[in-house]
Each structure stands twice: as structure tokens, then as C-alpha cells.
Amino acid sequence: MVQPTPEQLTSDNPPIVGAHSVGVPDGGPSMPLTGWATTGGDLRIPHFFGMHALQLLPSC
């Protein structure tokens, strides 16, 4: 999993640890349907294609 962000490290009780976005803060501009970041990397994209492709393989 990803490391805590600097903001999360300064908080006494962060609600989450880690982030979806890579190179930009979470909560920035995103795609309308998926919510994936448009200004930097997003860890949800490889998860979606990798994990959900595995669900299709056994049925082929």
C-alpha cells in the first residue's frame, strides 16, 4: 500500500492513510464518471484494469 501523505502524518487521527492520486493531492480535478484524477497519476486505474481483467480470464 502507499505511504501516508505529509498531511496525514501531521494529523493525530487521520481518517485514511495513503492516497489514490500520484504526484498531485487527492480531491483535485477528476473524470466525471469514474472520479479518476486528470492532472496526475491515479492508482485506481491499474487496479480497475488488472483486477477486473482477472475476473474475465477464467470464463474465456
N, C-alpha and C. Protein backbone atom coordinates (compact mmCIF):
# COMPACT_ATOMS: atom_id res chain seq x y z
N MET A 1 0.85 -1.18 0.00
CA MET A 1 0.00 0.00 0.00
C MET A 1 0.89 1.23 0.00
N VAL A 2 0.31 2.35 -0.26
CA VAL A 2 1.07 3.59 -0.34
C VAL A 2 1.38 4.13 1.04
N GLN A 3 2.37 4.99 1.11
CA GLN A 3 2.76 5.62 2.36
C GLN A 3 1.80 6.76 2.70
N PRO A 4 1.70 7.12 3.97
CA PRO A 4 0.87 8.26 4.35
C PRO A 4 1.39 9.54 3.70
N THR A 5 0.47 10.44 3.38
CA THR A 5 0.85 11.73 2.83
C THR A 5 1.39 12.62 3.96
N PRO A 6 2.14 13.67 3.63
CA PRO A 6 2.64 14.57 4.69
C PRO A 6 1.51 15.15 5.55
N GLU A 7 0.37 15.46 4.95
CA GLU A 7 -0.75 15.98 5.72
C GLU A 7 -1.28 14.94 6.70
N GLN A 8 -1.30 13.67 6.28
CA GLN A 8 -1.79 12.62 7.16
C GLN A 8 -0.82 12.37 8.31
N LEU A 9 0.48 12.54 8.06
CA LEU A 9 1.47 12.34 9.12
C LEU A 9 1.36 13.41 10.20
N THR A 10 0.94 14.63 9.85
CA THR A 10 0.83 15.70 10.84
C THR A 10 -0.46 15.61 11.64
N SER A 11 -1.44 14.87 11.17
CA SER A 11 -2.72 14.74 11.86
C SER A 11 -2.61 13.70 12.97
N ASP A 12 -3.29 13.95 14.09
CA ASP A 12 -3.27 12.98 15.19
C ASP A 12 -4.06 11.72 14.87
N ASN A 13 -5.17 11.87 14.16
CA ASN A 13 -6.03 10.73 13.85
C ASN A 13 -6.56 10.89 12.42
N PRO A 14 -5.73 10.56 11.40
CA PRO A 14 -6.21 10.74 10.03
C PRO A 14 -7.33 9.75 9.71
N PRO A 15 -8.34 10.18 8.94
CA PRO A 15 -9.44 9.28 8.60
C PRO A 15 -9.00 8.15 7.66
N ILE A 16 -7.99 8.40 6.82
CA ILE A 16 -7.45 7.39 5.91
C ILE A 16 -5.94 7.52 5.92
N VAL A 17 -5.26 6.48 5.48
CA VAL A 17 -3.81 6.51 5.35
C VAL A 17 -3.49 6.12 3.92
N GLY A 18 -2.78 7.00 3.20
CA GLY A 18 -2.47 6.76 1.81
C GLY A 18 -3.33 7.66 0.93
N ALA A 19 -3.20 7.48 -0.35
CA ALA A 19 -3.94 8.33 -1.28
C ALA A 19 -4.14 7.58 -2.59
N HIS A 20 -5.14 7.99 -3.35
CA HIS A 20 -5.37 7.42 -4.68
C HIS A 20 -4.48 8.08 -5.72
N SER A 21 -4.24 9.36 -5.56
CA SER A 21 -3.52 10.14 -6.58
C SER A 21 -2.02 10.01 -6.40
N VAL A 22 -1.30 10.13 -7.51
CA VAL A 22 0.16 10.06 -7.51
C VAL A 22 0.69 11.36 -8.10
N GLY A 23 1.47 12.10 -7.34
CA GLY A 23 2.07 13.33 -7.84
C GLY A 23 1.22 14.57 -7.66
N VAL A 24 -0.03 14.40 -7.27
CA VAL A 24 -0.94 15.53 -7.01
C VAL A 24 -1.76 15.19 -5.77
N PRO A 25 -2.27 16.19 -5.06
CA PRO A 25 -3.10 15.88 -3.88
C PRO A 25 -4.45 15.28 -4.28
N ASP A 26 -5.00 14.43 -3.41
CA ASP A 26 -6.34 13.88 -3.65
C ASP A 26 -7.36 15.00 -3.66
N GLY A 27 -8.43 14.79 -4.40
CA GLY A 27 -9.52 15.74 -4.41
C GLY A 27 -9.42 16.82 -5.48
N GLY A 28 -8.49 16.69 -6.41
CA GLY A 28 -8.36 17.67 -7.48
C GLY A 28 -9.30 17.36 -8.63
N PRO A 29 -9.03 17.94 -9.81
CA PRO A 29 -9.88 17.69 -10.98
C PRO A 29 -9.92 16.19 -11.31
N SER A 30 -11.11 15.72 -11.69
CA SER A 30 -11.25 14.29 -11.96
C SER A 30 -12.23 14.06 -13.11
N MET A 31 -12.21 12.83 -13.63
CA MET A 31 -13.12 12.44 -14.70
C MET A 31 -14.53 12.35 -14.14
N PRO A 32 -15.54 12.74 -14.92
CA PRO A 32 -16.91 12.78 -14.40
C PRO A 32 -17.46 11.43 -13.93
N LEU A 33 -17.32 10.38 -14.68
CA LEU A 33 -17.95 9.12 -14.34
C LEU A 33 -17.15 8.31 -13.32
N THR A 34 -15.83 8.24 -13.50
CA THR A 34 -15.01 7.37 -12.66
C THR A 34 -14.42 8.06 -11.44
N GLY A 35 -14.21 9.38 -11.51
CA GLY A 35 -13.57 10.09 -10.41
C GLY A 35 -12.06 9.96 -10.43
N TRP A 36 -11.50 9.37 -11.49
CA TRP A 36 -10.05 9.23 -11.59
C TRP A 36 -9.42 10.60 -11.82
N ALA A 37 -8.25 10.83 -11.23
CA ALA A 37 -7.55 12.11 -11.34
C ALA A 37 -7.16 12.38 -12.79
N THR A 38 -7.29 13.64 -13.21
CA THR A 38 -6.94 14.03 -14.58
C THR A 38 -5.65 14.84 -14.64
N THR A 39 -5.13 15.29 -13.50
CA THR A 39 -3.92 16.12 -13.51
C THR A 39 -2.68 15.37 -13.06
N GLY A 40 -2.82 14.13 -12.63
CA GLY A 40 -1.69 13.32 -12.18
C GLY A 40 -2.04 11.86 -12.28
N GLY A 41 -1.19 11.01 -11.75
CA GLY A 41 -1.46 9.58 -11.77
C GLY A 41 -2.56 9.21 -10.79
N ASP A 42 -3.17 8.06 -10.99
CA ASP A 42 -4.22 7.59 -10.11
C ASP A 42 -4.10 6.08 -9.98
N LEU A 43 -4.00 5.58 -8.75
CA LEU A 43 -3.80 4.16 -8.50
C LEU A 43 -5.04 3.31 -8.78
N ARG A 44 -6.19 3.94 -8.93
CA ARG A 44 -7.42 3.18 -9.19
C ARG A 44 -7.47 2.66 -10.62
N ILE A 45 -6.75 3.29 -11.54
CA ILE A 45 -6.79 2.86 -12.94
C ILE A 45 -6.14 1.49 -13.13
N PRO A 46 -4.88 1.29 -12.67
CA PRO A 46 -4.32 -0.07 -12.82
C PRO A 46 -5.09 -1.12 -12.01
N HIS A 47 -5.65 -0.72 -10.87
CA HIS A 47 -6.47 -1.66 -10.10
C HIS A 47 -7.67 -2.12 -10.93
N PHE A 48 -8.34 -1.16 -11.53
CA PHE A 48 -9.54 -1.49 -12.30
C PHE A 48 -9.22 -2.46 -13.43
N PHE A 49 -8.22 -2.11 -14.25
CA PHE A 49 -7.91 -2.97 -15.40
C PHE A 49 -7.27 -4.29 -14.98
N GLY A 50 -6.39 -4.28 -14.01
CA GLY A 50 -5.72 -5.51 -13.60
C GLY A 50 -6.64 -6.47 -12.87
N MET A 51 -7.30 -6.00 -11.83
CA MET A 51 -8.14 -6.89 -11.02
C MET A 51 -9.39 -7.35 -11.78
N HIS A 52 -9.97 -6.45 -12.52
CA HIS A 52 -11.21 -6.84 -13.20
C HIS A 52 -10.93 -7.65 -14.47
N ALA A 53 -9.75 -7.52 -15.05
CA ALA A 53 -9.37 -8.40 -16.16
C ALA A 53 -9.19 -9.83 -15.64
N LEU A 54 -8.67 -9.96 -14.42
CA LEU A 54 -8.55 -11.30 -13.83
C LEU A 54 -9.90 -11.98 -13.64
N GLN A 55 -10.93 -11.20 -13.42
CA GLN A 55 -12.26 -11.78 -13.28
C GLN A 55 -12.80 -12.33 -14.59
N LEU A 56 -12.32 -11.79 -15.71
CA LEU A 56 -12.78 -12.26 -17.01
C LEU A 56 -12.02 -13.49 -17.51
N LEU A 57 -10.77 -13.66 -17.09
CA LEU A 57 -9.93 -14.74 -17.62
C LEU A 57 -10.50 -16.15 -17.42
N PRO A 58 -10.97 -16.52 -16.24
CA PRO A 58 -11.48 -17.89 -16.07
C PRO A 58 -12.66 -18.23 -16.98
N SER A 59 -13.43 -17.24 -17.41
CA SER A 59 -14.60 -17.53 -18.24
C SER A 59 -14.27 -17.65 -19.72
N CYS A 60 -13.02 -17.37 -20.10
CA CYS A 60 -12.65 -17.45 -21.53
C CYS A 60 -12.36 -18.86 -21.96
